[in-house]
Amino acid sequence: MKLALQRRLAAEILGVGETRIWIDPDRTDEVADASTYEDIRRLIKEGAIRKRPSDAPSRARARKRQKKRRKRRRGPGSRKGSKGEIPWHLRIRAIRRELKRLRDNKMITPKMYRDLYRKAKGGFFTSVRHLRRYVQEHNLLVRGEL
């Protein structure tokens, strides 16, 4: 008895391949009469049609291994530089802008400006705030406040 249609419909409903469909050999006549999705659903509910267990090995362990592999070598020991670091060129431009402002407003002398400029170039100052704090703490201001 050909049950290809019923097998195909059952496979679609159960979401498996046709080879994994089991049809009760005692109820083949009943299954053969079923020709709609509704009939097949009823037979599945009654137990005349079932899906066979998978023969394939479980992928669970493989997935776990993949997950582990993805995570590997991502720890803090292998990271270079900080996450939110401001690029050098942006930082140095801001510092040099502040130095020019201080010099043009005659808050520092040209000699001090040159000294601080060199320090900035050497990476001494981490930010504009650091530059201002350094100037204040070392009493380098000729006139006025920052």
Protein backbone atom coordinates (compact mmCIF):
# COMPACT_ATOMS: atom_id res chain seq x y z
CA MET A 1 0.00 0.00 0.00
CA LYS A 2 1.38 3.42 -1.02
CA LEU A 3 1.36 5.94 1.77
CA ALA A 4 3.71 8.50 0.17
CA LEU A 5 1.20 11.39 0.34
CA GLN A 6 0.31 10.67 3.98
CA ARG A 7 3.99 10.32 4.87
CA ARG A 8 4.79 13.67 3.18
CA LEU A 9 1.92 15.50 4.90
CA ALA A 10 2.86 14.04 8.29
CA ALA A 11 6.51 15.01 7.78
CA GLU A 12 5.47 18.62 7.04
CA ILE A 13 3.19 18.78 10.09
CA LEU A 14 5.76 17.26 12.46
CA GLY A 15 8.67 19.20 10.96
CA VAL A 16 10.89 16.19 10.22
CA GLY A 17 12.02 14.26 7.16
CA GLU A 18 9.79 11.63 5.57
CA THR A 19 12.09 8.80 6.70
CA ARG A 20 11.40 9.66 10.34
CA ILE A 21 7.64 9.12 10.02
CA TRP A 22 6.34 5.93 11.63
CA ILE A 23 2.93 4.63 10.58
CA ASP A 24 1.19 2.00 12.69
CA PRO A 25 1.16 -1.18 10.57
CA ASP A 26 -2.18 -2.26 12.10
CA ARG A 27 -3.90 0.96 10.93
CA THR A 28 -2.55 1.34 7.38
CA ASP A 29 -6.06 1.18 5.87
CA GLU A 30 -7.18 4.07 8.05
CA VAL A 31 -4.05 6.07 7.20
CA ALA A 32 -4.47 5.36 3.47
CA ASP A 33 -7.97 6.92 3.56
CA ALA A 34 -6.56 10.16 5.08
CA SER A 35 -5.88 12.71 2.35
CA THR A 36 -5.99 16.11 4.09
CA TYR A 37 -3.85 17.86 6.68
CA GLU A 38 -6.81 17.69 9.06
CA ASP A 39 -7.04 13.89 8.70
CA ILE A 40 -3.31 13.49 9.28
CA ARG A 41 -3.41 15.75 12.36
CA ARG A 42 -6.21 13.59 13.79
CA LEU A 43 -4.19 10.41 13.17
CA ILE A 44 -1.14 11.97 14.82
CA LYS A 45 -3.27 12.84 17.84
CA GLU A 46 -4.62 9.27 17.98
CA GLY A 47 -1.10 7.82 17.73
CA ALA A 48 -1.45 6.08 14.35
CA ILE A 49 1.32 8.31 13.01
CA ARG A 50 4.38 9.30 15.06
CA LYS A 51 7.81 10.69 14.47
CA ARG A 52 10.73 8.35 15.06
CA PRO A 53 13.57 9.47 17.34
CA SER A 54 16.58 10.92 15.56
CA ASP A 55 19.44 8.52 14.78
CA ALA A 56 21.96 11.33 14.53
CA PRO A 57 24.28 12.10 17.44
CA SER A 58 23.31 15.09 19.53
CA ARG A 59 24.85 18.44 18.53
CA ALA A 60 24.68 19.74 22.11
CA ARG A 61 28.30 18.93 22.95
CA ALA A 62 29.52 20.34 19.64
CA ARG A 63 27.61 23.59 20.27
CA LYS A 64 29.11 23.84 23.74
CA ARG A 65 32.58 23.38 22.21
CA GLN A 66 31.91 26.06 19.59
CA LYS A 67 30.72 28.47 22.28
CA LYS A 68 33.88 27.86 24.26
CA ARG A 69 36.06 28.37 21.18
CA ARG A 70 34.38 31.67 20.41
CA LYS A 71 35.10 32.93 23.91
CA ARG A 72 38.70 31.80 24.01
CA ARG A 73 41.56 34.31 24.19
CA ARG A 74 39.33 37.28 24.79
CA GLY A 75 40.35 37.94 28.37
CA PRO A 76 41.84 41.17 29.71
CA GLY A 77 45.36 39.76 29.31
CA SER A 78 45.13 39.78 25.52
CA ARG A 79 43.52 43.21 25.10
CA LYS A 80 45.73 46.04 23.98
CA GLY A 81 44.82 49.58 24.92
CA SER A 82 41.72 50.70 26.74
CA LYS A 83 38.23 50.51 25.28
CA GLY A 84 37.40 54.20 25.35
CA GLU A 85 40.79 55.71 24.70
CA ILE A 86 40.82 59.06 22.87
CA PRO A 87 43.14 58.96 19.85
CA TRP A 88 46.49 60.74 20.22
CA HIS A 89 45.91 63.24 17.43
CA LEU A 90 42.68 64.53 19.00
CA ARG A 91 44.25 64.86 22.43
CA ILE A 92 47.41 66.64 21.25
CA ARG A 93 45.40 69.10 19.14
CA ALA A 94 43.28 70.07 22.14
CA ILE A 95 46.37 70.49 24.36
CA ARG A 96 48.16 72.60 21.73
CA ARG A 97 45.04 74.74 21.28
CA GLU A 98 44.98 75.39 25.03
CA LEU A 99 48.71 76.21 25.05
CA LYS A 100 48.22 78.77 22.26
CA ARG A 101 45.29 80.29 24.16
CA LEU A 102 47.43 80.65 27.29
CA ARG A 103 50.29 82.21 25.33
CA ASP A 104 48.09 84.58 23.27
CA ASN A 105 46.31 85.81 26.42
CA LYS A 106 49.75 86.36 27.97
CA MET A 107 49.02 83.97 30.82
CA ILE A 108 52.34 82.20 30.19
CA THR A 109 55.57 83.50 28.66
CA PRO A 110 56.76 82.33 25.23
CA LYS A 111 59.61 80.47 26.97
CA MET A 112 57.12 78.61 29.21
CA TYR A 113 54.97 77.96 26.15
CA ARG A 114 57.90 76.30 24.37
CA ASP A 115 58.74 74.19 27.42
CA LEU A 116 55.14 73.05 27.88
CA TYR A 117 54.78 72.42 24.12
CA ARG A 118 57.74 70.05 24.24
CA LYS A 119 56.32 68.28 27.29
CA ALA A 120 53.02 67.87 25.43
CA LYS A 121 54.80 66.45 22.41
CA GLY A 122 56.58 63.97 24.65
CA GLY A 123 53.24 62.70 25.95
CA PHE A 124 53.60 64.20 29.40
CA PHE A 125 50.05 65.62 29.53
CA THR A 126 47.16 63.20 29.41
CA SER A 127 44.50 65.86 28.80
CA VAL A 128 43.78 69.61 28.75
CA ARG A 129 42.72 69.33 32.39
CA HIS A 130 46.09 67.79 33.25
CA LEU A 131 47.88 70.65 31.46
CA ARG A 132 45.87 73.29 33.39
CA ARG A 133 46.47 71.53 36.71
CA TYR A 134 50.21 71.34 35.99
CA VAL A 135 50.38 75.06 35.13
CA GLN A 136 48.48 76.01 38.33
CA GLU A 137 50.44 73.71 40.66
CA HIS A 138 53.79 74.93 39.36
CA ASN A 139 52.75 78.60 39.56
CA LEU A 140 53.59 79.18 35.91
CA LEU A 141 50.78 81.67 35.36
CA VAL A 142 52.11 85.16 34.63
CA ARG A 143 48.73 86.81 35.12
CA GLY A 144 45.17 85.86 36.01
CA GLU A 145 43.35 82.61 36.51
CA LEU A 146 42.83 79.83 34.04
